[in-house]
C-alpha atoms as a PDB file:
ATOM      1  CA  UNK A   1       0.839 -12.296 -21.313  1.00  0.00           C
ATOM      2  CA  UNK A   2       3.621 -13.254 -19.010  1.00  0.00           C
ATOM      3  CA  UNK A   3       5.129  -9.726 -19.098  1.00  0.00           C
ATOM      4  CA  UNK A   4       1.842  -8.295 -17.857  1.00  0.00           C
ATOM      5  CA  UNK A   5       1.551 -10.926 -15.197  1.00  0.00           C
ATOM      6  CA  UNK A   6       5.018 -10.219 -13.932  1.00  0.00           C
ATOM      7  CA  UNK A   7       4.345  -6.463 -14.007  1.00  0.00           C
ATOM      8  CA  UNK A   8       1.125  -6.986 -11.927  1.00  0.00           C
ATOM      9  CA  UNK A   9       2.926  -9.223  -9.433  1.00  0.00           C
ATOM     10  CA  UNK A  10       5.752  -6.674  -9.042  1.00  0.00           C
ATOM     11  CA  UNK A  11       3.187  -3.872  -8.456  1.00  0.00           C
ATOM     12  CA  UNK A  12       1.402  -5.993  -5.890  1.00  0.00           C
ATOM     13  CA  UNK A  13       4.671  -6.803  -4.095  1.00  0.00           C
ATOM     14  CA  UNK A  14       5.625  -3.095  -4.107  1.00  0.00           C
ATOM     15  CA  UNK A  15       2.312  -2.102  -2.630  1.00  0.00           C
ATOM     16  CA  UNK A  16       2.223  -4.883  -0.051  1.00  0.00           C
ATOM     17  CA  UNK A  17       5.801  -4.365   1.150  1.00  0.00           C
ATOM     18  CA  UNK A  18       5.360  -0.579   1.139  1.00  0.00           C
ATOM     19  CA  UNK A  19       2.242  -0.842   3.213  1.00  0.00           C
ATOM     20  CA  UNK A  20       3.871  -3.165   5.737  1.00  0.00           C
ATOM     21  CA  UNK A  21       6.949  -0.907   6.067  1.00  0.00           C
ATOM     22  CA  UNK A  22       4.767   2.201   6.536  1.00  0.00           C
ATOM     23  CA  UNK A  23       2.521   0.593   9.098  1.00  0.00           C
ATOM     24  CA  UNK A  24       5.490  -0.885  10.981  1.00  0.00           C
ATOM     25  CA  UNK A  25       7.284   2.470  11.047  1.00  0.00           C
ATOM     26  CA  UNK A  26       4.171   4.337  12.291  1.00  0.00           C
ATOM     27  CA  UNK A  27       3.183   1.882  14.968  1.00  0.00           C
ATOM     28  CA  UNK A  28       5.779   2.636  17.733  1.00  0.00           C
ATOM     29  CA  UNK A  29       4.890   6.397  17.813  1.00  0.00           C
ATOM     30  CA  UNK A  30       2.080   7.772  19.919  1.00  0.00           C
ATOM     31  CA  UNK A  31       0.429  10.795  18.222  1.00  0.00           C
ATOM     32  CA  UNK A  32      -2.603  12.796  19.069  1.00  0.00           C
ATOM     33  CA  UNK A  33      -3.562  14.440  15.753  1.00  0.00           C
ATOM     34  CA  UNK A  34      -6.508  16.788  16.551  1.00  0.00           C
ATOM     35  CA  UNK A  35      -8.038  14.217  18.880  1.00  0.00           C
ATOM     36  CA  UNK A  36      -7.278  11.260  16.583  1.00  0.00           C
ATOM     37  CA  UNK A  37      -5.213   8.599  18.282  1.00  0.00           C
ATOM     38  CA  UNK A  38      -4.000   5.179  17.469  1.00  0.00           C
ATOM     39  CA  UNK A  39      -2.463   3.983  14.223  1.00  0.00           C
ATOM     40  CA  UNK A  40      -4.516   6.470  12.205  1.00  0.00           C
ATOM     41  CA  UNK A  41      -3.227   9.345  14.377  1.00  0.00           C
ATOM     42  CA  UNK A  42       0.310   8.063  14.010  1.00  0.00           C
ATOM     43  CA  UNK A  43      -0.079   7.948  10.174  1.00  0.00           C
ATOM     44  CA  UNK A  44      -1.473  11.397  10.118  1.00  0.00           C
ATOM     45  CA  UNK A  45       1.105  12.831  12.529  1.00  0.00           C
ATOM     46  CA  UNK A  46       4.066  11.338  10.721  1.00  0.00           C
ATOM     47  CA  UNK A  47       2.574  12.369   7.286  1.00  0.00           C
ATOM     48  CA  UNK A  48       2.511   8.707   6.102  1.00  0.00           C
ATOM     49  CA  UNK A  49      -1.154   8.495   5.142  1.00  0.00           C
ATOM     50  CA  UNK A  50      -0.556   9.568   1.577  1.00  0.00           C
ATOM     51  CA  UNK A  51       2.256   7.128   0.944  1.00  0.00           C
ATOM     52  CA  UNK A  52       0.075   4.395   2.479  1.00  0.00           C
ATOM     53  CA  UNK A  53      -2.776   5.273   0.105  1.00  0.00           C
ATOM     54  CA  UNK A  54      -0.312   5.219  -2.858  1.00  0.00           C
ATOM     55  CA  UNK A  55       0.873   1.735  -1.769  1.00  0.00           C
ATOM     56  CA  UNK A  56      -2.641   0.482  -1.551  1.00  0.00           C
ATOM     57  CA  UNK A  57      -3.356   1.903  -5.050  1.00  0.00           C
ATOM     58  CA  UNK A  58      -0.248   0.085  -6.327  1.00  0.00           C
ATOM     59  CA  UNK A  59      -1.507  -3.151  -4.898  1.00  0.00           C
ATOM     60  CA  UNK A  60      -4.968  -2.786  -6.407  1.00  0.00           C
ATOM     61  CA  UNK A  61      -3.530  -1.806  -9.838  1.00  0.00           C
ATOM     62  CA  UNK A  62      -1.283  -4.836  -9.679  1.00  0.00           C
ATOM     63  CA  UNK A  63      -4.235  -7.071  -8.983  1.00  0.00           C
ATOM     64  CA  UNK A  64      -6.235  -5.590 -11.884  1.00  0.00           C
ATOM     65  CA  UNK A  65      -3.263  -6.081 -14.272  1.00  0.00           C
ATOM     66  CA  UNK A  66      -2.965  -9.715 -13.103  1.00  0.00           C
ATOM     67  CA  UNK A  67      -6.671 -10.450 -13.557  1.00  0.00           C
ATOM     68  CA  UNK A  68      -6.561  -8.878 -17.039  1.00  0.00           C
ATOM     69  CA  UNK A  69      -3.586 -10.948 -17.971  1.00  0.00           C
ATOM     70  CA  UNK A  70      -5.346 -14.113 -16.768  1.00  0.00           C
ATOM     71  CA  UNK A  71      -8.426 -13.110 -18.778  1.00  0.00           C
ATOM     72  CA  UNK A  72      -6.426 -12.709 -21.957  1.00  0.00           C
ATOM     73  CA  UNK A  73      -5.151 -16.298 -21.759  1.00  0.00           C
END
């Protein structure tokens, strides 16, 4: 049970820290991606939207693993 909990926490940390790093690296740049501006335009212009989605999926999977490990106890 503890191994699954640690795995879930590690996945959540990877997803959270990855998302923060991606958002902080995209924020300083001003992009106009086919009329889309702001943070979404920056993410699209720097091709960081797919890594952000992957980090969010890591976070969600880590939360699911943690909840399942808690349910097994």
